[in-house]
Amino acid sequence: MGFAVDLNKPDFIGKSAVAARKEAGPERRMVQFLLNDPEPLLFHNEPIVRNGEYVGYLSSGNYGHHLGGAVGMGYVPCKGEKAADVLAASYEIDVMGTKVTAQASLKPLYDPKSERMKV
């Protein structure tokens, strides 16, 4: 919610806490995952594997018809890391005991300019 708080305003309740949190950065980020294999389906609670290590679970998942594969969202720990570091990692989603490689994105996995629709 840092975008909704103006730290340039005069003192207000919680200003020091907001400033400290902004300085420290996020402890985890919500990441969207698109499975590279179009066959598996995601529901929720599938484990997230980052660089070979289990780091969390999907909070939701479903099939993305326009994306051609299953899409899931989950939180990934990132204390002290930049967004680029989070995206540079390799990700897999454990679907019923099978690890499926996935593309990670911090932005929505849709076509905001409708470029695919115009082709």
PDB file of N, CA and C in Angstrom:
ATOM      1  N   MET A   1       0.808  -1.190   0.000  1.00  0.00           N
ATOM      2  CA  MET A   1       0.000   0.000   0.000  1.00  0.00           C
ATOM      3  C   MET A   1       0.854   1.258   0.000  1.00  0.00           C
ATOM      4  N   GLY A   2       2.137   1.113  -0.241  1.00  0.00           N
ATOM      5  CA  GLY A   2       3.023   2.273  -0.241  1.00  0.00           C
ATOM      6  C   GLY A   2       2.646   3.331  -1.258  1.00  0.00           C
ATOM      7  N   PHE A   3       2.004   2.918  -2.350  1.00  0.00           N
ATOM      8  CA  PHE A   3       1.595   3.892  -3.363  1.00  0.00           C
ATOM      9  C   PHE A   3       0.503   4.825  -2.851  1.00  0.00           C
ATOM     10  N   ALA A   4      -0.183   4.424  -1.787  1.00  0.00           N
ATOM     11  CA  ALA A   4      -1.299   5.215  -1.271  1.00  0.00           C
ATOM     12  C   ALA A   4      -0.890   6.141  -0.130  1.00  0.00           C
ATOM     13  N   VAL A   5       0.384   6.122   0.248  1.00  0.00           N
ATOM     14  CA  VAL A   5       0.852   6.921   1.381  1.00  0.00           C
ATOM     15  C   VAL A   5       1.887   7.926   0.891  1.00  0.00           C
ATOM     16  N   ASP A   6       1.681   9.179   1.235  1.00  0.00           N
ATOM     17  CA  ASP A   6       2.612  10.238   0.863  1.00  0.00           C
ATOM     18  C   ASP A   6       3.542  10.501   2.049  1.00  0.00           C
ATOM     19  N   LEU A   7       4.778  10.045   1.943  1.00  0.00           N
ATOM     20  CA  LEU A   7       5.734  10.225   3.040  1.00  0.00           C
ATOM     21  C   LEU A   7       6.224  11.666   3.152  1.00  0.00           C
ATOM     22  N   ASN A   8       5.881  12.514   2.203  1.00  0.00           N
ATOM     23  CA  ASN A   8       6.265  13.920   2.269  1.00  0.00           C
ATOM     24  C   ASN A   8       5.303  14.743   3.112  1.00  0.00           C
ATOM     25  N   LYS A   9       4.199  14.137   3.521  1.00  0.00           N
ATOM     26  CA  LYS A   9       3.248  14.842   4.374  1.00  0.00           C
ATOM     27  C   LYS A   9       3.859  15.034   5.754  1.00  0.00           C
ATOM     28  N   PRO A  10       3.325  15.979   6.534  1.00  0.00           N
ATOM     29  CA  PRO A  10       3.803  16.137   7.912  1.00  0.00           C
ATOM     30  C   PRO A  10       3.546  14.845   8.694  1.00  0.00           C
ATOM     31  N   ASP A  11       4.093  14.766   9.871  1.00  0.00           N
ATOM     32  CA  ASP A  11       3.956  13.558  10.683  1.00  0.00           C
ATOM     33  C   ASP A  11       2.516  13.076  10.768  1.00  0.00           C
ATOM     34  N   PHE A  12       2.372  11.758  10.675  1.00  0.00           N
ATOM     35  CA  PHE A  12       1.074  11.120  10.855  1.00  0.00           C
ATOM     36  C   PHE A  12       1.311   9.785  11.551  1.00  0.00           C
ATOM     37  N   ILE A  13       0.268   9.236  12.130  1.00  0.00           N
ATOM     38  CA  ILE A  13       0.390   7.976  12.856  1.00  0.00           C
ATOM     39  C   ILE A  13       0.835   6.882  11.889  1.00  0.00           C
ATOM     40  N   GLY A  14       1.910   6.219  12.215  1.00  0.00           N
ATOM     41  CA  GLY A  14       2.426   5.129  11.397  1.00  0.00           C
ATOM     42  C   GLY A  14       3.443   5.539  10.350  1.00  0.00           C
ATOM     43  N   LYS A  15       3.794   6.798  10.281  1.00  0.00           N
ATOM     44  CA  LYS A  15       4.733   7.266   9.255  1.00  0.00           C
ATOM     45  C   LYS A  15       6.085   6.568   9.371  1.00  0.00           C
ATOM     46  N   SER A  16       6.587   6.438  10.581  1.00  0.00           N
ATOM     47  CA  SER A  16       7.895   5.799  10.756  1.00  0.00           C
ATOM     48  C   SER A  16       7.840   4.319  10.358  1.00  0.00           C
ATOM     49  N   ALA A  17       6.731   3.650  10.638  1.00  0.00           N
ATOM     50  CA  ALA A  17       6.587   2.241  10.266  1.00  0.00           C
ATOM     51  C   ALA A  17       6.540   2.075   8.752  1.00  0.00           C
ATOM     52  N   VAL A  18       5.807   2.960   8.075  1.00  0.00           N
ATOM     53  CA  VAL A  18       5.723   2.900   6.613  1.00  0.00           C
ATOM     54  C   VAL A  18       7.087   3.178   5.994  1.00  0.00           C
ATOM     55  N   ALA A  19       7.795   4.170   6.512  1.00  0.00           N
ATOM     56  CA  ALA A  19       9.119   4.509   5.978  1.00  0.00           C
ATOM     57  C   ALA A  19      10.099   3.357   6.170  1.00  0.00           C
ATOM     58  N   ALA A  20      10.054   2.719   7.337  1.00  0.00           N
ATOM     59  CA  ALA A  20      10.952   1.589   7.605  1.00  0.00           C
ATOM     60  C   ALA A  20      10.653   0.415   6.681  1.00  0.00           C
ATOM     61  N   ARG A  21       9.383   0.142   6.452  1.00  0.00           N
ATOM     62  CA  ARG A  21       8.992  -0.973   5.574  1.00  0.00           C
ATOM     63  C   ARG A  21       9.409  -0.692   4.131  1.00  0.00           C
ATOM     64  N   LYS A  22       9.245   0.559   3.708  1.00  0.00           N
ATOM     65  CA  LYS A  22       9.634   0.926   2.350  1.00  0.00           C
ATOM     66  C   LYS A  22      11.143   0.789   2.167  1.00  0.00           C
ATOM     67  N   GLU A  23      11.901   1.185   3.173  1.00  0.00           N
ATOM     68  CA  GLU A  23      13.361   1.088   3.123  1.00  0.00           C
ATOM     69  C   GLU A  23      13.819  -0.367   3.069  1.00  0.00           C
ATOM     70  N   ALA A  24      13.177  -1.234   3.855  1.00  0.00           N
ATOM     71  CA  ALA A  24      13.566  -2.642   3.926  1.00  0.00           C
ATOM     72  C   ALA A  24      13.170  -3.415   2.674  1.00  0.00           C
ATOM     73  N   GLY A  25      12.116  -2.977   1.986  1.00  0.00           N
ATOM     74  CA  GLY A  25      11.631  -3.692   0.809  1.00  0.00           C
ATOM     75  C   GLY A  25      10.719  -4.837   1.197  1.00  0.00           C
ATOM     76  N   PRO A  26      10.087  -5.453   0.216  1.00  0.00           N
ATOM     77  CA  PRO A  26       9.141  -6.534   0.519  1.00  0.00           C
ATOM     78  C   PRO A  26       9.850  -7.803   0.975  1.00  0.00           C
ATOM     79  N   GLU A  27       9.164  -8.575   1.803  1.00  0.00           N
ATOM     80  CA  GLU A  27       9.697  -9.864   2.243  1.00  0.00           C
ATOM     81  C   GLU A  27       9.260 -10.987   1.317  1.00  0.00           C
ATOM     82  N   ARG A  28       8.160 -10.761   0.582  1.00  0.00           N
ATOM     83  CA  ARG A  28       7.699 -11.728  -0.400  1.00  0.00           C
ATOM     84  C   ARG A  28       6.926 -10.983  -1.486  1.00  0.00           C
ATOM     85  N   ARG A  29       6.874 -11.600  -2.658  1.00  0.00           N
ATOM     86  CA  ARG A  29       6.186 -10.993  -3.802  1.00  0.00           C
ATOM     87  C   ARG A  29       5.178 -11.982  -4.372  1.00  0.00           C
ATOM     88  N   MET A  30       4.070 -11.421  -4.844  1.00  0.00           N
ATOM     89  CA  MET A  30       3.116 -12.268  -5.559  1.00  0.00           C
ATOM     90  C   MET A  30       3.614 -12.415  -6.991  1.00  0.00           C
ATOM     91  N   VAL A  31       3.741 -13.647  -7.416  1.00  0.00           N
ATOM     92  CA  VAL A  31       4.254 -13.962  -8.737  1.00  0.00           C
ATOM     93  C   VAL A  31       3.207 -14.774  -9.481  1.00  0.00           C
ATOM     94  N   GLN A  32       3.046 -14.488 -10.770  1.00  0.00           N
ATOM     95  CA  GLN A  32       2.166 -15.282 -11.618  1.00  0.00           C
ATOM     96  C   GLN A  32       3.028 -16.268 -12.387  1.00  0.00           C
ATOM     97  N   PHE A  33       2.511 -17.476 -12.545  1.00  0.00           N
ATOM     98  CA  PHE A  33       3.243 -18.533 -13.234  1.00  0.00           C
ATOM     99  C   PHE A  33       2.404 -19.076 -14.382  1.00  0.00           C
ATOM    100  N   LEU A  34       3.033 -19.259 -15.526  1.00  0.00           N
ATOM    101  CA  LEU A  34       2.417 -19.906 -16.671  1.00  0.00           C
ATOM    102  C   LEU A  34       3.203 -21.182 -16.931  1.00  0.00           C
ATOM    103  N   LEU A  35       2.538 -22.320 -16.850  1.00  0.00           N
ATOM    104  CA  LEU A  35       3.227 -23.591 -17.075  1.00  0.00           C
ATOM    105  C   LEU A  35       3.646 -23.697 -18.535  1.00  0.00           C
ATOM    106  N   ASN A  36       4.846 -24.226 -18.774  1.00  0.00           N
ATOM    107  CA  ASN A  36       5.351 -24.406 -20.135  1.00  0.00           C
ATOM    108  C   ASN A  36       4.671 -25.573 -20.835  1.00  0.00           C
ATOM    109  N   ASP A  37       4.166 -26.527 -20.087  1.00  0.00           N
ATOM    110  CA  ASP A  37       3.436 -27.671 -20.632  1.00  0.00           C
ATOM    111  C   ASP A  37       1.942 -27.345 -20.562  1.00  0.00           C
ATOM    112  N   PRO A  38       1.217 -27.396 -21.689  1.00  0.00           N
ATOM    113  CA  PRO A  38      -0.198 -27.023 -21.670  1.00  0.00           C
ATOM    114  C   PRO A  38      -1.128 -28.066 -21.057  1.00  0.00           C
ATOM    115  N   GLU A  39      -0.647 -29.263 -20.766  1.00  0.00           N
ATOM    116  CA  GLU A  39      -1.506 -30.342 -20.287  1.00  0.00           C
ATOM    117  C   GLU A  39      -1.898 -30.268 -18.802  1.00  0.00           C
ATOM    118  N   PRO A  40      -0.962 -30.070 -17.876  1.00  0.00           N
ATOM    119  CA  PRO A  40      -1.346 -30.105 -16.462  1.00  0.00           C
ATOM    120  C   PRO A  40      -2.314 -28.977 -16.097  1.00  0.00           C
ATOM    121  N   LEU A  41      -3.158 -29.249 -15.128  1.00  0.00           N
ATOM    122  CA  LEU A  41      -4.093 -28.256 -14.613  1.00  0.00           C
ATOM    123  C   LEU A  41      -3.675 -27.848 -13.211  1.00  0.00           C
ATOM    124  N   LEU A  42      -3.924 -26.608 -12.867  1.00  0.00           N
ATOM    125  CA  LEU A  42      -3.633 -26.094 -11.528  1.00  0.00           C
ATOM    126  C   LEU A  42      -4.936 -25.747 -10.835  1.00  0.00           C
ATOM    127  N   PHE A  43      -4.981 -25.969  -9.532  1.00  0.00           N
ATOM    128  CA  PHE A  43      -6.154 -25.613  -8.749  1.00  0.00           C
ATOM    129  C   PHE A  43      -5.753 -24.605  -7.674  1.00  0.00           C
ATOM    130  N   HIS A  44      -4.938 -25.037  -6.725  1.00  0.00           N
ATOM    131  CA  HIS A  44      -4.327 -24.208  -5.684  1.00  0.00           C
ATOM    132  C   HIS A  44      -3.526 -25.135  -4.777  1.00  0.00           C
ATOM    133  N   ASN A  45      -2.662 -24.569  -3.997  1.00  0.00           N
ATOM    134  CA  ASN A  45      -1.808 -25.308  -3.047  1.00  0.00           C
ATOM    135  C   ASN A  45      -0.737 -26.180  -3.698  1.00  0.00           C
ATOM    136  N   GLU A  46      -0.496 -26.035  -5.000  1.00  0.00           N
ATOM    137  CA  GLU A  46       0.622 -26.751  -5.602  1.00  0.00           C
ATOM    138  C   GLU A  46       1.919 -26.078  -5.159  1.00  0.00           C
ATOM    139  N   PRO A  47       2.924 -26.874  -4.784  1.00  0.00           N
ATOM    140  CA  PRO A  47       4.189 -26.301  -4.321  1.00  0.00           C
ATOM    141  C   PRO A  47       4.945 -25.548  -5.427  1.00  0.00           C
ATOM    142  N   ILE A  48       5.571 -24.440  -5.031  1.00  0.00           N
ATOM    143  CA  ILE A  48       6.412 -23.644  -5.924  1.00  0.00           C
ATOM    144  C   ILE A  48       7.857 -24.021  -5.651  1.00  0.00           C
ATOM    145  N   VAL A  49       8.599 -24.350  -6.710  1.00  0.00           N
ATOM    146  CA  VAL A  49      10.002 -24.725  -6.598  1.00  0.00           C
ATOM    147  C   VAL A  49      10.828 -23.646  -7.288  1.00  0.00           C
ATOM    148  N   ARG A  50      11.722 -23.039  -6.524  1.00  0.00           N
ATOM    149  CA  ARG A  50      12.594 -21.986  -7.068  1.00  0.00           C
ATOM    150  C   ARG A  50      14.033 -22.456  -6.982  1.00  0.00           C
ATOM    151  N   ASN A  51      14.686 -22.535  -8.124  1.00  0.00           N
ATOM    152  CA  ASN A  51      16.076 -23.000  -8.184  1.00  0.00           C
ATOM    153  C   ASN A  51      16.264 -24.305  -7.427  1.00  0.00           C
ATOM    154  N   GLY A  52      15.313 -25.215  -7.579  1.00  0.00           N
ATOM    155  CA  GLY A  52      15.410 -26.540  -6.969  1.00  0.00           C
ATOM    156  C   GLY A  52      14.964 -26.635  -5.522  1.00  0.00           C
ATOM    157  N   GLU A  53      14.509 -25.549  -4.932  1.00  0.00           N
ATOM    158  CA  GLU A  53      14.114 -25.533  -3.516  1.00  0.00           C
ATOM    159  C   GLU A  53      12.637 -25.143  -3.382  1.00  0.00           C
ATOM    160  N   TYR A  54      11.914 -25.883  -2.554  1.00  0.00           N
ATOM    161  CA  TYR A  54      10.507 -25.568  -2.312  1.00  0.00           C
ATOM    162  C   TYR A  54      10.417 -24.280  -1.499  1.00  0.00           C
ATOM    163  N   VAL A  55       9.687 -23.282  -2.025  1.00  0.00           N
ATOM    164  CA  VAL A  55       9.647 -21.976  -1.370  1.00  0.00           C
ATOM    165  C   VAL A  55       8.242 -21.504  -1.022  1.00  0.00           C
ATOM    166  N   GLY A  56       7.217 -22.180  -1.480  1.00  0.00           N
ATOM    167  CA  GLY A  56       5.855 -21.739  -1.183  1.00  0.00           C
ATOM    168  C   GLY A  56       4.836 -22.566  -1.926  1.00  0.00           C
ATOM    169  N   TYR A  57       3.602 -22.078  -1.918  1.00  0.00           N
ATOM    170  CA  TYR A  57       2.480 -22.761  -2.552  1.00  0.00           C
ATOM    171  C   TYR A  57       1.675 -21.765  -3.378  1.00  0.00           C
ATOM    172  N   LEU A  58       1.024 -22.268  -4.413  1.00  0.00           N
ATOM    173  CA  LEU A  58       0.125 -21.421  -5.185  1.00  0.00           C
ATOM    174  C   LEU A  58      -1.102 -21.098  -4.340  1.00  0.00           C
ATOM    175  N   SER A  59      -1.544 -19.864  -4.402  1.00  0.00           N
ATOM    176  CA  SER A  59      -2.765 -19.477  -3.696  1.00  0.00           C
ATOM    177  C   SER A  59      -3.988 -19.677  -4.587  1.00  0.00           C
ATOM    178  N   SER A  60      -3.771 -19.721  -5.903  1.00  0.00           N
ATOM    179  CA  SER A  60      -4.870 -19.986  -6.835  1.00  0.00           C
ATOM    180  C   SER A  60      -4.296 -20.468  -8.152  1.00  0.00           C
ATOM    181  N   GLY A  61      -5.123 -21.103  -8.928  1.00  0.00           N
ATOM    182  CA  GLY A  61      -4.696 -21.576 -10.228  1.00  0.00           C
ATOM    183  C   GLY A  61      -5.889 -21.976 -11.070  1.00  0.00           C
ATOM    184  N   ASN A  62      -5.729 -21.916 -12.377  1.00  0.00           N
ATOM    185  CA  ASN A  62      -6.772 -22.292 -13.305  1.00  0.00           C
ATOM    186  C   ASN A  62      -6.157 -22.375 -14.688  1.00  0.00           C
ATOM    187  N   TYR A  63      -6.969 -22.658 -15.687  1.00  0.00           N
ATOM    188  CA  TYR A  63      -6.464 -22.748 -17.052  1.00  0.00           C
ATOM    189  C   TYR A  63      -6.657 -21.412 -17.750  1.00  0.00           C
ATOM    190  N   GLY A  64      -5.611 -20.899 -18.383  1.00  0.00           N
ATOM    191  CA  GLY A  64      -5.685 -19.643 -19.125  1.00  0.00           C
ATOM    192  C   GLY A  64      -5.897 -19.947 -20.594  1.00  0.00           C
ATOM    193  N   HIS A  65      -7.133 -19.896 -21.052  1.00  0.00           N
ATOM    194  CA  HIS A  65      -7.446 -20.278 -22.431  1.00  0.00           C
ATOM    195  C   HIS A  65      -6.719 -19.412 -23.452  1.00  0.00           C
ATOM    196  N   HIS A  66      -6.627 -18.128 -23.219  1.00  0.00           N
ATOM    197  CA  HIS A  66      -5.926 -17.252 -24.161  1.00  0.00           C
ATOM    198  C   HIS A  66      -4.413 -17.415 -24.076  1.00  0.00           C
ATOM    199  N   LEU A  67      -3.933 -17.929 -22.952  1.00  0.00           N
ATOM    200  CA  LEU A  67      -2.497 -18.129 -22.775  1.00  0.00           C
ATOM    201  C   LEU A  67      -2.058 -19.519 -23.209  1.00  0.00           C
ATOM    202  N   GLY A  68      -2.996 -20.428 -23.345  1.00  0.00           N
ATOM    203  CA  GLY A  68      -2.680 -21.773 -23.811  1.00  0.00           C
ATOM    204  C   GLY A  68      -2.052 -22.674 -22.770  1.00  0.00           C
ATOM    205  N   GLY A  69      -2.299 -22.415 -21.499  1.00  0.00           N
ATOM    206  CA  GLY A  69      -1.750 -23.260 -20.445  1.00  0.00           C
ATOM    207  C   GLY A  69      -2.282 -22.853 -19.090  1.00  0.00           C
ATOM    208  N   ALA A  70      -1.932 -23.631 -18.098  1.00  0.00           N
ATOM    209  CA  ALA A  70      -2.381 -23.365 -16.737  1.00  0.00           C
ATOM    210  C   ALA A  70      -1.632 -22.174 -16.153  1.00  0.00           C
ATOM    211  N   VAL A  71      -2.359 -21.358 -15.403  1.00  0.00           N
ATOM    212  CA  VAL A  71      -1.812 -20.165 -14.776  1.00  0.00           C
ATOM    213  C   VAL A  71      -2.074 -20.244 -13.280  1.00  0.00           C
ATOM    214  N   GLY A  72      -1.071 -19.894 -12.489  1.00  0.00           N
ATOM    215  CA  GLY A  72      -1.226 -19.880 -11.039  1.00  0.00           C
ATOM    216  C   GLY A  72      -0.563 -18.657 -10.441  1.00  0.00           C
ATOM    217  N   MET A  73      -1.004 -18.313  -9.237  1.00  0.00           N
ATOM    218  CA  MET A  73      -0.399 -17.196  -8.510  1.00  0.00           C
ATOM    219  C   MET A  73       0.005 -17.683  -7.131  1.00  0.00           C
ATOM    220  N   GLY A  74       1.144 -17.190  -6.670  1.00  0.00           N
ATOM    221  CA  GLY A  74       1.606 -17.552  -5.349  1.00  0.00           C
ATOM    222  C   GLY A  74       2.655 -16.572  -4.864  1.00  0.00           C
ATOM    223  N   TYR A  75       2.935 -16.636  -3.580  1.00  0.00           N
ATOM    224  CA  TYR A  75       3.908 -15.739  -2.971  1.00  0.00           C
ATOM    225  C   TYR A  75       5.266 -16.418  -2.894  1.00  0.00           C
ATOM    226  N   VAL A  76       6.299 -15.662  -3.265  1.00  0.00           N
ATOM    227  CA  VAL A  76       7.677 -16.154  -3.265  1.00  0.00           C
ATOM    228  C   VAL A  76       8.486 -15.266  -2.322  1.00  0.00           C
ATOM    229  N   PRO A  77       9.237 -15.856  -1.387  1.00  0.00           N
ATOM    230  CA  PRO A  77      10.071 -15.035  -0.502  1.00  0.00           C
ATOM    231  C   PRO A  77      11.143 -14.306  -1.302  1.00  0.00           C
ATOM    232  N   CYS A  78      11.389 -13.035  -0.936  1.00  0.00           N
ATOM    233  CA  CYS A  78      12.367 -12.241  -1.699  1.00  0.00           C
ATOM    234  C   CYS A  78      13.051 -11.202  -0.825  1.00  0.00           C
ATOM    235  N   LYS A  79      13.203 -11.479   0.445  1.00  0.00           N
ATOM    236  CA  LYS A  79      13.795 -10.498   1.355  1.00  0.00           C
ATOM    237  C   LYS A  79      15.189 -10.119   0.868  1.00  0.00           C
ATOM    238  N   GLY A  80      15.408  -8.816   0.666  1.00  0.00           N
ATOM    239  CA  GLY A  80      16.703  -8.314   0.234  1.00  0.00           C
ATOM    240  C   GLY A  80      16.971  -8.463  -1.247  1.00  0.00           C
ATOM    241  N   GLU A  81      15.989  -8.917  -2.025  1.00  0.00           N
ATOM    242  CA  GLU A  81      16.181  -9.105  -3.462  1.00  0.00           C
ATOM    243  C   GLU A  81      15.415  -8.044  -4.245  1.00  0.00           C
ATOM    244  N   LYS A  82      15.897  -7.778  -5.420  1.00  0.00           N
ATOM    245  CA  LYS A  82      15.197  -6.886  -6.332  1.00  0.00           C
ATOM    246  C   LYS A  82      14.259  -7.711  -7.195  1.00  0.00           C
ATOM    247  N   ALA A  83      13.326  -7.024  -7.858  1.00  0.00           N
ATOM    248  CA  ALA A  83      12.362  -7.713  -8.722  1.00  0.00           C
ATOM    249  C   ALA A  83      13.076  -8.515  -9.808  1.00  0.00           C
ATOM    250  N   ALA A  84      14.143  -7.969 -10.353  1.00  0.00           N
ATOM    251  CA  ALA A  84      14.887  -8.673 -11.405  1.00  0.00           C
ATOM    252  C   ALA A  84      15.476  -9.983 -10.892  1.00  0.00           C
ATOM    253  N   ASP A  85      15.889 -10.015  -9.625  1.00  0.00           N
ATOM    254  CA  ASP A  85      16.428 -11.244  -9.038  1.00  0.00           C
ATOM    255  C   ASP A  85      15.353 -12.318  -8.933  1.00  0.00           C
ATOM    256  N   VAL A  86      14.154 -11.904  -8.580  1.00  0.00           N
ATOM    257  CA  VAL A  86      13.042 -12.845  -8.465  1.00  0.00           C
ATOM    258  C   VAL A  86      12.743 -13.454  -9.829  1.00  0.00           C
ATOM    259  N   LEU A  87      12.725 -12.631 -10.857  1.00  0.00           N
ATOM    260  CA  LEU A  87      12.408 -13.116 -12.202  1.00  0.00           C
ATOM    261  C   LEU A  87      13.545 -13.914 -12.826  1.00  0.00           C
ATOM    262  N   ALA A  88      14.776 -13.683 -12.399  1.00  0.00           N
ATOM    263  CA  ALA A  88      15.931 -14.378 -12.974  1.00  0.00           C
ATOM    264  C   ALA A  88      16.016 -15.841 -12.530  1.00  0.00           C
ATOM    265  N   ALA A  89      15.326 -16.193 -11.474  1.00  0.00           N
ATOM    266  CA  ALA A  89      15.369 -17.562 -10.954  1.00  0.00           C
ATOM    267  C   ALA A  89      14.618 -18.509 -11.884  1.00  0.00           C
ATOM    268  N   SER A  90      14.919 -19.795 -11.762  1.00  0.00           N
ATOM    269  CA  SER A  90      14.170 -20.801 -12.526  1.00  0.00           C
ATOM    270  C   SER A  90      13.074 -21.356 -11.619  1.00  0.00           C
ATOM    271  N   TYR A  91      11.882 -21.529 -12.182  1.00  0.00           N
ATOM    272  CA  TYR A  91      10.726 -21.967 -11.400  1.00  0.00           C
ATOM    273  C   TYR A  91      10.117 -23.233 -11.974  1.00  0.00           C
ATOM    274  N   GLU A  92       9.629 -24.047 -11.057  1.00  0.00           N
ATOM    275  CA  GLU A  92       8.846 -25.225 -11.395  1.00  0.00           C
ATOM    276  C   GLU A  92       7.661 -25.263 -10.446  1.00  0.00           C
ATOM    277  N   ILE A  93       6.574 -25.838 -10.902  1.00  0.00           N
ATOM    278  CA  ILE A  93       5.410 -26.056 -10.060  1.00  0.00           C
ATOM    279  C   ILE A  93       5.237 -27.560  -9.938  1.00  0.00           C
ATOM    280  N   ASP A  94       5.116 -28.049  -8.729  1.00  0.00           N
ATOM    281  CA  ASP A  94       4.946 -29.469  -8.461  1.00  0.00           C
ATOM    282  C   ASP A  94       3.464 -29.816  -8.612  1.00  0.00           C
ATOM    283  N   VAL A  95       3.137 -30.473  -9.735  1.00  0.00           N
ATOM    284  CA  VAL A  95       1.755 -30.857 -10.016  1.00  0.00           C
ATOM    285  C   VAL A  95       1.629 -32.356  -9.788  1.00  0.00           C
ATOM    286  N   MET A  96       1.039 -32.717  -8.677  1.00  0.00           N
ATOM    287  CA  MET A  96       0.824 -34.125  -8.316  1.00  0.00           C
ATOM    288  C   MET A  96       2.111 -34.945  -8.390  1.00  0.00           C
ATOM    289  N   GLY A  97       3.199 -34.397  -7.871  1.00  0.00           N
ATOM    290  CA  GLY A  97       4.464 -35.111  -7.803  1.00  0.00           C
ATOM    291  C   GLY A  97       5.356 -34.947  -9.023  1.00  0.00           C
ATOM    292  N   THR A  98       4.886 -34.258 -10.043  1.00  0.00           N
ATOM    293  CA  THR A  98       5.685 -34.013 -11.242  1.00  0.00           C
ATOM    294  C   THR A  98       6.015 -32.529 -11.318  1.00  0.00           C
ATOM    295  N   LYS A  99       7.305 -32.233 -11.409  1.00  0.00           N
ATOM    296  CA  LYS A  99       7.720 -30.830 -11.502  1.00  0.00           C
ATOM    297  C   LYS A  99       7.603 -30.363 -12.949  1.00  0.00           C
ATOM    298  N   VAL A 100       6.827 -29.276 -13.140  1.00  0.00           N
ATOM    299  CA  VAL A 100       6.594 -28.713 -14.466  1.00  0.00           C
ATOM    300  C   VAL A 100       7.222 -27.332 -14.501  1.00  0.00           C
ATOM    301  N   THR A 101       8.084 -27.072 -15.495  1.00  0.00           N
ATOM    302  CA  THR A 101       8.720 -25.758 -15.594  1.00  0.00           C
ATOM    303  C   THR A 101       7.673 -24.684 -15.862  1.00  0.00           C
ATOM    304  N   ALA A 102       7.954 -23.490 -15.344  1.00  0.00           N
ATOM    305  CA  ALA A 102       6.995 -22.400 -15.464  1.00  0.00           C
ATOM    306  C   ALA A 102       7.714 -21.089 -15.719  1.00  0.00           C
ATOM    307  N   GLN A 103       7.032 -20.205 -16.424  1.00  0.00           N
ATOM    308  CA  GLN A 103       7.512 -18.843 -16.627  1.00  0.00           C
ATOM    309  C   GLN A 103       6.942 -17.989 -15.507  1.00  0.00           C
ATOM    310  N   ALA A 104       7.757 -17.138 -14.939  1.00  0.00           N
ATOM    311  CA  ALA A 104       7.316 -16.267 -13.844  1.00  0.00           C
ATOM    312  C   ALA A 104       7.138 -14.841 -14.358  1.00  0.00           C
ATOM    313  N   SER A 105       6.144 -14.153 -13.787  1.00  0.00           N
ATOM    314  CA  SER A 105       5.890 -12.771 -14.155  1.00  0.00           C
ATOM    315  C   SER A 105       5.382 -12.008 -12.943  1.00  0.00           C
ATOM    316  N   LEU A 106       5.855 -10.782 -12.794  1.00  0.00           N
ATOM    317  CA  LEU A 106       5.348  -9.920 -11.735  1.00  0.00           C
ATOM    318  C   LEU A 106       4.209  -9.049 -12.243  1.00  0.00           C
ATOM    319  N   LYS A 107       3.986  -9.072 -13.542  1.00  0.00           N
ATOM    320  CA  LYS A 107       2.897  -8.315 -14.161  1.00  0.00           C
ATOM    321  C   LYS A 107       1.848  -9.292 -14.665  1.00  0.00           C
ATOM    322  N   PRO A 108       0.634  -8.818 -14.903  1.00  0.00           N
ATOM    323  CA  PRO A 108      -0.414  -9.715 -15.400  1.00  0.00           C
ATOM    324  C   PRO A 108      -0.020 -10.376 -16.717  1.00  0.00           C
ATOM    325  N   LEU A 109      -0.395 -11.633 -16.862  1.00  0.00           N
ATOM    326  CA  LEU A 109      -0.078 -12.393 -18.069  1.00  0.00           C
ATOM    327  C   LEU A 109      -1.197 -12.239 -19.093  1.00  0.00           C
ATOM    328  N   TYR A 110      -1.482 -11.038 -19.475  1.00  0.00           N
ATOM    329  CA  TYR A 110      -2.503 -10.802 -20.485  1.00  0.00           C
ATOM    330  C   TYR A 110      -1.941  -9.853 -21.534  1.00  0.00           C
ATOM    331  N   ASP A 111      -2.725  -9.564 -22.520  1.00  0.00           N
ATOM    332  CA  ASP A 111      -2.295  -8.747 -23.646  1.00  0.00           C
ATOM    333  C   ASP A 111      -2.915  -7.352 -23.508  1.00  0.00           C
ATOM    334  N   PRO A 112      -2.282  -6.433 -22.761  1.00  0.00           N
ATOM    335  CA  PRO A 112      -2.914  -5.147 -22.454  1.00  0.00           C
ATOM    336  C   PRO A 112      -3.189  -4.260 -23.665  1.00  0.00           C
ATOM    337  N   LYS A 113      -2.443  -4.434 -24.762  1.00  0.00           N
ATOM    338  CA  LYS A 113      -2.660  -3.608 -25.952  1.00  0.00           C
ATOM    339  C   LYS A 113      -3.500  -4.343 -27.009  1.00  0.00           C
ATOM    340  N   SER A 114      -3.992  -5.527 -26.664  1.00  0.00           N
ATOM    341  CA  SER A 114      -4.821  -6.342 -27.578  1.00  0.00           C
ATOM    342  C   SER A 114      -4.104  -6.634 -28.886  1.00  0.00           C
ATOM    343  N   GLU A 115      -2.792  -6.795 -28.841  1.00  0.00           N
ATOM    344  CA  GLU A 115      -2.030  -7.045 -30.047  1.00  0.00           C
ATOM    345  C   GLU A 115      -2.341  -8.398 -30.663  1.00  0.00           C
ATOM    346  N   ARG A 116      -2.605  -9.423 -29.840  1.00  0.00           N
ATOM    347  CA  ARG A 116      -2.925 -10.724 -30.380  1.00  0.00           C
ATOM    348  C   ARG A 116      -4.283 -10.732 -31.081  1.00  0.00           C
ATOM    349  N   MET A 117      -5.208  -9.933 -30.580  1.00  0.00           N
ATOM    350  CA  MET A 117      -6.539  -9.871 -31.170  1.00  0.00           C
ATOM    351  C   MET A 117      -6.499  -9.239 -32.559  1.00  0.00           C
ATOM    352  N   LYS A 118      -5.506  -8.396 -32.825  1.00  0.00           N
ATOM    353  CA  LYS A 118      -5.420  -7.662 -34.076  1.00  0.00           C
ATOM    354  C   LYS A 118      -4.668  -8.426 -35.157  1.00  0.00           C
ATOM    355  N   VAL A 119      -4.119  -9.573 -34.815  1.00  0.00           N
ATOM    356  CA  VAL A 119      -3.342 -10.358 -35.797  1.00  0.00           C
ATOM    357  C   VAL A 119      -4.274 -11.171 -36.664  1.00  0.00           C
TER     358      VAL A 119
END
